[in-house]
N, C-alpha and C. Protein backbone atom coordinates (compact mmCIF):
# COMPACT_ATOMS: atom_id res chain seq x y z
N MET A 1 2.06 4.25 -21.30
CA MET A 1 3.33 4.66 -21.06
C MET A 1 2.51 6.30 -20.78
N LEU A 2 3.55 6.44 -18.98
CA LEU A 2 2.60 7.24 -18.98
C LEU A 2 4.18 8.83 -20.02
N ALA A 3 3.44 9.82 -20.17
CA ALA A 3 4.19 10.91 -20.65
C ALA A 3 5.40 11.67 -19.86
N ILE A 4 6.29 12.35 -20.54
CA ILE A 4 7.42 13.06 -19.93
C ILE A 4 6.58 14.13 -18.73
N LYS A 5 5.68 14.34 -19.18
CA LYS A 5 5.52 15.79 -18.08
C LYS A 5 4.73 15.50 -17.88
N TYR A 6 4.30 14.18 -17.09
CA TYR A 6 3.71 13.65 -16.08
C TYR A 6 4.51 12.54 -14.86
N ARG A 7 5.73 12.66 -15.11
CA ARG A 7 6.89 12.25 -14.60
C ARG A 7 8.12 13.16 -13.48
N LEU A 8 8.03 12.25 -12.69
CA LEU A 8 9.10 13.40 -11.33
C LEU A 8 10.56 12.40 -11.90
N THR A 9 11.53 13.43 -12.82
CA THR A 9 12.74 12.37 -12.56
C THR A 9 14.15 13.23 -12.17
N LYS A 10 13.61 14.44 -11.35
CA LYS A 10 14.99 14.55 -10.71
C LYS A 10 14.82 14.27 -9.19
N GLN A 11 15.82 14.16 -8.91
CA GLN A 11 16.19 13.81 -7.27
C GLN A 11 15.38 14.57 -6.36
N LYS A 12 16.10 16.10 -6.50
CA LYS A 12 15.65 17.29 -5.22
C LYS A 12 14.27 16.88 -5.45
N ASP A 13 13.25 16.78 -6.31
CA ASP A 13 11.82 16.69 -6.70
C ASP A 13 11.60 15.76 -5.88
N PHE A 14 12.37 15.18 -5.84
CA PHE A 14 11.64 13.38 -4.98
C PHE A 14 11.85 13.82 -3.46
N ASP A 15 13.02 14.47 -3.23
CA ASP A 15 13.18 14.87 -1.80
C ASP A 15 12.41 16.21 -1.11
N ASN A 16 11.90 16.86 -2.19
CA ASN A 16 11.20 18.14 -2.03
C ASN A 16 9.94 17.41 -1.83
N VAL A 17 9.40 16.65 -1.65
CA VAL A 17 7.79 15.55 -1.84
C VAL A 17 8.07 15.29 -0.37
N TRP A 18 9.04 14.51 -0.07
CA TRP A 18 9.80 13.96 0.70
C TRP A 18 9.26 14.72 2.20
N GLN A 19 9.87 15.49 2.15
CA GLN A 19 10.57 16.33 3.05
C GLN A 19 8.76 17.27 3.37
N THR A 20 8.17 17.73 2.01
CA THR A 20 7.01 18.99 2.47
C THR A 20 5.70 18.15 2.29
N GLY A 21 5.62 17.04 1.60
CA GLY A 21 4.16 16.60 1.31
C GLY A 21 3.35 16.35 2.52
N ARG A 22 2.07 15.79 2.11
CA ARG A 22 1.08 14.55 2.92
C ARG A 22 1.20 13.72 2.37
N SER A 23 1.08 12.94 3.13
CA SER A 23 1.06 11.67 3.16
C SER A 23 -0.54 10.75 3.26
N SER A 24 -0.32 9.31 2.49
CA SER A 24 -1.28 8.69 2.52
C SER A 24 -0.77 7.19 2.71
N PHE A 25 -1.10 6.64 3.37
CA PHE A 25 -0.48 5.35 3.73
C PHE A 25 -1.23 4.21 3.72
N ASN A 26 -1.57 2.99 3.16
CA ASN A 26 -2.32 1.60 3.72
C ASN A 26 -1.42 0.46 3.67
N GLU A 27 -1.50 -0.77 3.51
CA GLU A 27 -0.74 -1.80 3.43
C GLU A 27 -0.23 -2.14 2.19
N CYS A 28 -0.31 -1.88 1.57
CA CYS A 28 0.60 -1.88 0.20
C CYS A 28 0.97 -0.78 -0.80
N LEU A 29 0.69 0.51 -0.53
CA LEU A 29 1.85 1.52 -0.97
C LEU A 29 0.70 2.97 -0.40
N GLY A 30 2.35 3.73 -0.39
CA GLY A 30 2.01 4.73 0.48
C GLY A 30 2.11 5.83 -0.65
N ILE A 31 1.47 6.85 0.28
CA ILE A 31 1.41 8.59 -1.29
C ILE A 31 1.59 9.68 -0.51
N LYS A 32 2.17 10.50 -0.75
CA LYS A 32 2.91 11.68 -0.74
C LYS A 32 3.10 12.58 -1.60
N ALA A 33 2.37 13.30 -1.52
CA ALA A 33 1.96 14.48 -2.50
C ALA A 33 2.36 16.13 -2.03
N SER A 34 3.18 17.04 -2.88
CA SER A 34 3.30 18.26 -2.50
C SER A 34 2.85 19.20 -3.85
N LYS A 35 2.25 20.25 -3.70
CA LYS A 35 2.40 20.90 -4.46
C LYS A 35 3.45 21.67 -4.95
N ASN A 36 3.37 21.47 -6.60
CA ASN A 36 3.66 22.54 -7.59
C ASN A 36 3.79 23.74 -7.78
N LYS A 37 4.52 24.12 -8.70
CA LYS A 37 3.59 25.60 -9.84
C LYS A 37 3.29 25.21 -10.69
N LEU A 38 3.21 23.98 -11.47
CA LEU A 38 3.29 23.51 -13.16
C LEU A 38 1.46 23.91 -13.62
N ALA A 39 1.44 23.46 -14.07
CA ALA A 39 -0.03 23.17 -14.83
C ALA A 39 -0.20 21.93 -14.67
N ASN A 40 0.27 20.96 -14.12
CA ASN A 40 0.75 19.71 -14.28
C ASN A 40 0.19 18.66 -13.35
N SER A 41 0.03 17.81 -12.63
CA SER A 41 0.84 17.13 -11.81
C SER A 41 1.61 15.73 -12.59
N ARG A 42 2.86 15.76 -11.40
CA ARG A 42 4.09 14.64 -11.65
C ARG A 42 3.78 13.76 -10.75
N PHE A 43 4.27 12.73 -11.23
CA PHE A 43 4.88 11.45 -10.44
C PHE A 43 5.91 10.36 -10.88
N GLY A 44 6.17 10.02 -9.17
CA GLY A 44 7.29 9.26 -9.54
C GLY A 44 6.66 8.40 -8.58
N PHE A 45 7.40 6.65 -8.82
CA PHE A 45 7.37 5.59 -8.16
C PHE A 45 8.15 5.42 -7.85
N ILE A 46 8.30 4.66 -6.42
CA ILE A 46 9.70 3.77 -5.88
C ILE A 46 9.13 2.44 -5.26
N VAL A 47 9.99 1.57 -6.26
CA VAL A 47 9.73 0.15 -5.74
C VAL A 47 10.83 -0.78 -5.47
N SER A 48 11.31 -0.51 -4.23
CA SER A 48 12.24 -0.96 -3.81
C SER A 48 12.75 -2.77 -4.00
N THR A 49 13.94 -2.89 -3.67
CA THR A 49 14.35 -4.04 -3.60
C THR A 49 13.88 -4.87 -2.34
N LYS A 50 12.90 -4.43 -1.63
CA LYS A 50 12.51 -5.02 -0.58
C LYS A 50 11.33 -5.71 -0.79
N ILE A 51 10.72 -4.97 -1.90
CA ILE A 51 10.00 -5.95 -2.33
C ILE A 51 9.79 -7.37 -3.10
N SER A 52 10.71 -7.20 -3.76
CA SER A 52 11.13 -8.24 -5.48
C SER A 52 12.71 -8.16 -4.78
N LYS A 53 13.35 -9.32 -5.57
CA LYS A 53 14.54 -9.20 -5.20
C LYS A 53 14.62 -9.55 -7.32
N LYS A 54 13.47 -9.32 -7.43
CA LYS A 54 13.65 -9.76 -9.62
C LYS A 54 13.19 -8.58 -9.76
N ALA A 55 13.61 -8.55 -10.78
CA ALA A 55 13.94 -6.60 -11.42
C ALA A 55 12.15 -6.73 -12.48
N VAL A 56 12.24 -7.98 -12.51
CA VAL A 56 11.01 -8.59 -13.74
C VAL A 56 9.77 -7.69 -12.44
N ASP A 57 9.80 -8.19 -11.57
CA ASP A 57 8.57 -7.98 -10.88
C ASP A 57 8.57 -6.55 -10.31
N ARG A 58 9.54 -5.63 -10.14
CA ARG A 58 9.20 -4.61 -9.56
C ARG A 58 9.00 -3.63 -10.89
N ASN A 59 9.59 -4.10 -12.32
CA ASN A 59 9.01 -3.81 -13.00
C ASN A 59 7.61 -3.39 -13.53
N LYS A 60 7.12 -4.82 -13.54
CA LYS A 60 5.59 -5.00 -13.36
C LYS A 60 5.10 -4.37 -12.62
N ILE A 61 5.34 -4.21 -11.40
CA ILE A 61 4.24 -2.97 -10.54
C ILE A 61 4.67 -1.75 -10.65
N LYS A 62 5.55 -1.39 -11.42
CA LYS A 62 5.83 -0.08 -12.02
C LYS A 62 5.22 0.03 -12.90
N ARG A 63 5.25 -0.80 -14.01
CA ARG A 63 4.16 -0.67 -15.13
C ARG A 63 2.73 -0.28 -14.93
N ARG A 64 2.49 -1.25 -13.97
CA ARG A 64 1.02 -1.18 -13.37
C ARG A 64 0.13 -0.11 -12.37
N LEU A 65 1.43 0.70 -11.93
CA LEU A 65 1.22 1.90 -11.09
C LEU A 65 1.37 2.76 -12.49
N ARG A 66 2.28 3.38 -13.53
CA ARG A 66 1.86 4.35 -14.36
C ARG A 66 0.37 4.38 -15.17
N ASN A 67 0.58 2.78 -15.54
CA ASN A 67 -0.49 2.77 -16.24
C ASN A 67 -2.30 2.91 -16.00
N ILE A 68 -2.21 3.21 -14.41
CA ILE A 68 -3.08 3.39 -13.45
C ILE A 68 -2.96 4.53 -13.30
N ILE A 69 -2.29 5.61 -13.24
CA ILE A 69 -2.74 6.73 -13.26
C ILE A 69 -2.34 7.24 -14.55
N LYS A 70 -2.02 6.57 -15.49
CA LYS A 70 -2.38 7.25 -17.18
C LYS A 70 -3.80 7.22 -17.57
N GLU A 71 -4.28 6.19 -16.85
CA GLU A 71 -6.02 5.67 -17.30
C GLU A 71 -7.03 7.04 -16.24
N ASN A 72 -6.17 7.67 -15.25
CA ASN A 72 -7.21 8.56 -14.29
C ASN A 72 -6.58 10.21 -14.28
N ILE A 73 -5.48 9.90 -14.80
CA ILE A 73 -5.00 11.08 -15.08
C ILE A 73 -5.98 12.82 -15.20
N GLU A 74 -6.41 12.21 -15.65
CA GLU A 74 -8.01 13.38 -15.96
C GLU A 74 -9.13 13.67 -14.82
N TYR A 75 -9.36 12.55 -14.42
CA TYR A 75 -9.13 12.86 -12.69
C TYR A 75 -8.62 13.84 -11.84
N ILE A 76 -7.29 13.67 -11.78
CA ILE A 76 -6.52 13.78 -10.39
C ILE A 76 -5.98 15.24 -10.86
N LYS A 77 -6.21 15.74 -9.82
CA LYS A 77 -6.12 17.52 -9.79
C LYS A 77 -4.37 18.72 -10.35
N PRO A 78 -4.52 19.35 -11.35
CA PRO A 78 -3.43 19.48 -11.58
C PRO A 78 -2.69 20.21 -10.83
N GLY A 79 -0.95 20.29 -10.29
CA GLY A 79 -0.41 21.60 -9.84
C GLY A 79 0.31 20.39 -8.29
N TYR A 80 0.37 18.92 -8.79
CA TYR A 80 1.14 18.80 -7.60
C TYR A 80 1.93 17.48 -7.93
N ASP A 81 2.99 17.02 -7.07
CA ASP A 81 4.55 15.82 -7.62
C ASP A 81 3.70 15.53 -6.15
N VAL A 82 3.70 13.50 -6.68
CA VAL A 82 3.66 13.43 -6.00
C VAL A 82 4.27 11.24 -6.15
N VAL A 83 4.14 10.92 -5.16
CA VAL A 83 5.00 10.27 -4.34
C VAL A 83 4.44 8.91 -4.98
N VAL A 84 4.55 7.65 -5.59
CA VAL A 84 4.20 6.44 -4.44
C VAL A 84 4.64 5.67 -3.84
N ILE A 85 4.97 5.35 -2.64
CA ILE A 85 5.59 4.15 -2.37
C ILE A 85 5.95 3.17 -2.23
N THR A 86 5.97 1.78 -2.82
CA THR A 86 5.06 0.58 -2.49
C THR A 86 5.77 -0.23 -1.38
N GLN A 87 4.86 -1.37 -0.68
CA GLN A 87 4.56 -1.91 0.07
C GLN A 87 4.73 -3.49 -0.35
N LYS A 88 5.55 -4.17 0.98
CA LYS A 88 5.89 -5.43 0.78
C LYS A 88 4.78 -6.75 -0.25
N ALA A 89 3.31 -5.90 0.43
CA ALA A 89 2.30 -6.87 -0.22
C ALA A 89 1.78 -6.73 -0.98
N ILE A 90 2.00 -5.75 -2.19
CA ILE A 90 1.32 -4.70 -2.88
C ILE A 90 1.94 -5.91 -4.04
N ILE A 91 2.67 -7.30 -4.03
CA ILE A 91 3.55 -7.99 -5.10
C ILE A 91 2.33 -9.20 -5.00
N SER A 92 1.37 -9.41 -3.98
CA SER A 92 0.38 -11.01 -4.03
C SER A 92 -1.13 -9.74 -4.73
N LYS A 93 -0.89 -8.43 -5.05
CA LYS A 93 -2.51 -8.11 -5.67
C LYS A 93 -2.68 -7.94 -6.51
N GLU A 94 -3.40 -8.20 -7.69
CA GLU A 94 -4.44 -8.05 -8.79
C GLU A 94 -4.25 -6.60 -8.80
N TYR A 95 -4.57 -6.41 -10.12
CA TYR A 95 -4.41 -5.36 -11.08
C TYR A 95 -5.67 -4.25 -10.88
N LYS A 96 -6.43 -4.79 -10.48
CA LYS A 96 -7.72 -4.35 -9.67
C LYS A 96 -8.28 -3.65 -8.51
N GLU A 97 -7.46 -4.74 -7.73
CA GLU A 97 -6.82 -4.30 -6.02
C GLU A 97 -6.15 -2.97 -5.98
N ILE A 98 -4.93 -3.15 -6.63
CA ILE A 98 -3.98 -2.01 -6.74
C ILE A 98 -4.65 -0.68 -7.07
N LYS A 99 -5.18 -0.72 -8.44
CA LYS A 99 -5.84 0.50 -8.71
C LYS A 99 -6.81 1.17 -7.82
N ASP A 100 -7.78 0.00 -7.68
CA ASP A 100 -8.88 0.35 -6.28
C ASP A 100 -7.69 1.40 -5.19
N LEU A 101 -7.11 0.77 -4.65
CA LEU A 101 -6.06 1.57 -3.19
C LEU A 101 -5.73 2.71 -3.83
N VAL A 102 -5.02 2.72 -4.57
CA VAL A 102 -4.45 4.26 -5.59
C VAL A 102 -5.88 4.76 -5.74
N ILE A 103 -6.61 4.91 -5.99
CA ILE A 103 -7.55 5.82 -6.00
C ILE A 103 -8.20 6.39 -4.92
N LYS A 104 -8.31 5.36 -3.95
CA LYS A 104 -8.48 5.39 -2.47
C LYS A 104 -7.96 6.41 -1.64
N SER A 105 -6.74 5.74 -2.23
CA SER A 105 -5.54 6.90 -1.27
C SER A 105 -5.40 8.54 -2.25
N LEU A 106 -5.84 8.40 -3.44
CA LEU A 106 -5.23 9.80 -3.75
C LEU A 106 -6.74 10.43 -3.72
N ASN A 107 -8.00 10.06 -3.59
CA ASN A 107 -8.88 10.73 -2.86
C ASN A 107 -8.46 10.97 -1.45
N LYS A 108 -8.18 9.98 -0.53
CA LYS A 108 -8.21 10.78 1.04
C LYS A 108 -7.50 11.68 0.54
N LEU A 109 -6.14 12.04 0.00
CA LEU A 109 -5.81 13.41 -0.27
C LEU A 109 -6.04 14.84 -0.86
N GLY A 110 -7.49 13.90 -1.09
CA GLY A 110 -8.00 15.57 -1.94
C GLY A 110 -7.57 15.49 -3.43
N LEU A 111 -7.30 14.39 -3.94
CA LEU A 111 -6.73 14.85 -5.32
C LEU A 111 -7.60 14.66 -6.31
N ILE A 112 -7.64 13.71 -6.14
CA ILE A 112 -9.29 13.49 -6.70
C ILE A 112 -10.00 14.50 -7.37
N SER A 113 -10.38 15.63 -8.67
CA SER A 113 -11.03 16.78 -9.16
C SER A 113 -12.20 16.28 -9.22
N LYS A 114 -13.17 15.23 -10.47
CA LYS A 114 -13.88 14.62 -10.56
C LYS A 114 -14.56 13.21 -9.82
N GLN A 115 -15.69 13.18 -10.50
CA GLN A 115 -15.84 12.46 -10.13
C GLN A 115 -15.22 11.06 -11.32
N ASN A 116 -14.50 10.16 -10.49
CA ASN A 116 -13.76 8.57 -10.53
C ASN A 116 -15.35 7.41 -11.50
N ARG A 117 -14.79 7.28 -12.29
CA ARG A 117 -15.83 5.73 -12.63
C ARG A 117 -15.66 4.91 -11.44
């Protein structure tokens, strides 16, 4: 599980990222990021009912995304609020494909600081 210090929890934080953040979108997900004044980066995940009506499926996607971030947190630059927005196509993707898309999008936004494996 992703530690609390790495999570976006307040609506105002999500709104701030949505209004001021830069974005990178692909067929499965979108990432919006904006600077914060903290020593670490925080992440929020949006998986709407448009993706799947089943909470089981939505929660599975969120668990996968959280785990991808947790595994790669050491490579992600500190000081950013990041919101990951999912698209319908993510439901058919495997874990490895989702991981590659997330890393690619973070790299496109310049949020990867060290060489990723």
